[in-house]
C-alpha atoms as a PDB file:
ATOM      1  CA  MET A   1     105.711  60.246 131.915  1.00  0.00           C
ATOM      2  CA  LYS A   2     107.907  63.048 133.267  1.00  0.00           C
ATOM      3  CA  ARG A   3     110.368  62.611 130.396  1.00  0.00           C
ATOM      4  CA  ALA A   4     107.640  63.105 127.771  1.00  0.00           C
ATOM      5  CA  THR A   5     106.449  66.263 129.515  1.00  0.00           C
ATOM      6  CA  LEU A   6     110.006  67.578 129.647  1.00  0.00           C
ATOM      7  CA  VAL A   7     110.511  66.907 125.915  1.00  0.00           C
ATOM      8  CA  ILE A   8     107.254  68.677 125.050  1.00  0.00           C
ATOM      9  CA  LEU A   9     108.185  71.697 127.169  1.00  0.00           C
ATOM     10  CA  ALA A  10     111.639  71.827 125.595  1.00  0.00           C
ATOM     11  CA  LEU A  11     110.164  71.789 122.084  1.00  0.00           C
ATOM     12  CA  ALA A  12     107.585  74.423 122.977  1.00  0.00           C
ATOM     13  CA  ALA A  13     110.301  76.665 124.424  1.00  0.00           C
ATOM     14  CA  THR A  14     112.435  76.214 121.325  1.00  0.00           C
ATOM     15  CA  PHE A  15     109.599  77.241 119.012  1.00  0.00           C
ATOM     16  CA  ALA A  16     108.650  80.163 121.248  1.00  0.00           C
ATOM     17  CA  LEU A  17     112.208  81.496 121.334  1.00  0.00           C
ATOM     18  CA  THR A  18     112.872  81.104 117.610  1.00  0.00           C
ATOM     19  CA  SER A  19     109.448  82.302 116.461  1.00  0.00           C
ATOM     20  CA  CYS A  20     108.940  79.140 114.418  1.00  0.00           C
ATOM     21  CA  GLY A  21     110.725  80.170 111.274  1.00  0.00           C
ATOM     22  CA  GLY A  22     113.021  83.128 111.380  1.00  0.00           C
ATOM     23  CA  GLU A  23     112.789  86.835 110.924  1.00  0.00           C
ATOM     24  CA  LYS A  24     110.172  88.607 108.916  1.00  0.00           C
ATOM     25  CA  THR A  25     111.274  91.623 106.978  1.00  0.00           C
ATOM     26  CA  GLU A  26     108.519  94.162 106.567  1.00  0.00           C
ATOM     27  CA  LYS A  27     108.688  97.368 104.632  1.00  0.00           C
ATOM     28  CA  PRO A  28     107.923 100.526 106.530  1.00  0.00           C
ATOM     29  CA  LYS A  29     104.254 101.455 106.226  1.00  0.00           C
ATOM     30  CA  THR A  30     104.991 104.634 104.250  1.00  0.00           C
ATOM     31  CA  GLN A  31     107.001 102.694 101.673  1.00  0.00           C
ATOM     32  CA  VAL A  32     104.191 100.205 101.208  1.00  0.00           C
ATOM     33  CA  SER A  33     101.635 103.014 100.887  1.00  0.00           C
ATOM     34  CA  TYR A  34     103.767 104.859  98.335  1.00  0.00           C
ATOM     35  CA  SER A  35     104.312 101.725  96.270  1.00  0.00           C
ATOM     36  CA  LYS A  36     100.605 100.896  96.370  1.00  0.00           C
ATOM     37  CA  CYS A  37      99.756 104.481  95.382  1.00  0.00           C
ATOM     38  CA  LEU A  38     102.127 104.328  92.407  1.00  0.00           C
ATOM     39  CA  GLU A  39     100.659 101.048  91.259  1.00  0.00           C
ATOM     40  CA  THR A  40      97.061 102.226  91.604  1.00  0.00           C
ATOM     41  CA  GLU A  41      97.563 105.629  89.983  1.00  0.00           C
ATOM     42  CA  ALA A  42      99.546 104.221  87.045  1.00  0.00           C
ATOM     43  CA  ALA A  43      96.842 101.613  86.434  1.00  0.00           C
ATOM     44  CA  LYS A  44      94.136 104.305  86.498  1.00  0.00           C
ATOM     45  CA  LEU A  45      96.012 106.438  83.987  1.00  0.00           C
ATOM     46  CA  LEU A  46      96.566 103.506  81.655  1.00  0.00           C
ATOM     47  CA  ASP A  47      92.884 102.572  81.818  1.00  0.00           C
ATOM     48  CA  GLU A  48      91.483 106.095  81.514  1.00  0.00           C
ATOM     49  CA  THR A  49      93.809 107.625  78.961  1.00  0.00           C
ATOM     50  CA  GLY A  50      95.356 104.686  77.140  1.00  0.00           C
ATOM     51  CA  SER A  51      98.730 106.385  77.566  1.00  0.00           C
ATOM     52  CA  ASN A  52     102.031 104.577  77.516  1.00  0.00           C
ATOM     53  CA  ALA A  53     103.508 103.045  80.659  1.00  0.00           C
ATOM     54  CA  ASP A  54     106.349 105.571  80.979  1.00  0.00           C
ATOM     55  CA  TYR A  55     103.953 108.498  80.975  1.00  0.00           C
ATOM     56  CA  ALA A  56     101.577 106.753  83.381  1.00  0.00           C
ATOM     57  CA  ASN A  57     104.424 105.984  85.810  1.00  0.00           C
ATOM     58  CA  GLU A  58     105.689 109.570  85.632  1.00  0.00           C
ATOM     59  CA  MET A  59     102.264 111.030  86.340  1.00  0.00           C
ATOM     60  CA  ALA A  60     101.640 108.488  89.129  1.00  0.00           C
ATOM     61  CA  ALA A  61     104.907 109.537  90.787  1.00  0.00           C
ATOM     62  CA  LYS A  62     103.728 113.150  90.744  1.00  0.00           C
ATOM     63  CA  ALA A  63     100.337 112.192  92.162  1.00  0.00           C
ATOM     64  CA  CYS A  64     101.869 110.136  94.994  1.00  0.00           C
ATOM     65  CA  GLU A  65     104.684 112.556  95.833  1.00  0.00           C
ATOM     66  CA  ALA A  66     103.099 113.575  99.139  1.00  0.00           C
ATOM     67  CA  LEU A  67     103.467 110.018 100.480  1.00  0.00           C
ATOM     68  CA  LYS A  68     107.248 109.994 100.187  1.00  0.00           C
END
C-alpha cells in the first residue's frame, strides 16, 4: 500500500513540476490587441466600402496606430 502511494505522489510531483506539457508562448497583450484591431478595422473597411484588401489594410494600420 505504501508503494502505491509513493508512486502516485511521484507522478503528481512530476506533473506539477513540468506543468503537464511544456511552455506556453503568449504574445504580449499589446501585440494581440494591435493584431485584433488590424483584423477588425480591415474587415469593417472591406464590408463598408468594398475597397481592395491593400487599401483596407493600410487604412486599418492608420486607425490602429495608437496601439503600437
